Amino acid sequence: MNRSRHYLRQWQENPVSELLAGAVATFALIPEVIAFSFTAGVDPQIGLFASFVISMSIGSQLCPPIGAQFWV
């Protein structure tokens, strides 16, 4: 519970910057998702939908970012 309060307080300090950062990250990942969809032989709409579902299920939890994008 303490961690969620920390994240909430951090988000409330500057919500415009947080929303802008989320939008930039989302728009940066769209070409990557489409490229991986073509590589996997899947329709890009399915790849985009799967990416959205995964981001909503993982992003709705208050956890630190995980994956290759975090380390770059």
Foldseek 3Di string as FASTA:
>chain_A
DVLVVVVVVVCVVDVVVVVVVVVVVVVVCLVVQQVVCVVVVHHSVVSVVVVVVVCCVVVVDPDDDDDDVVVD
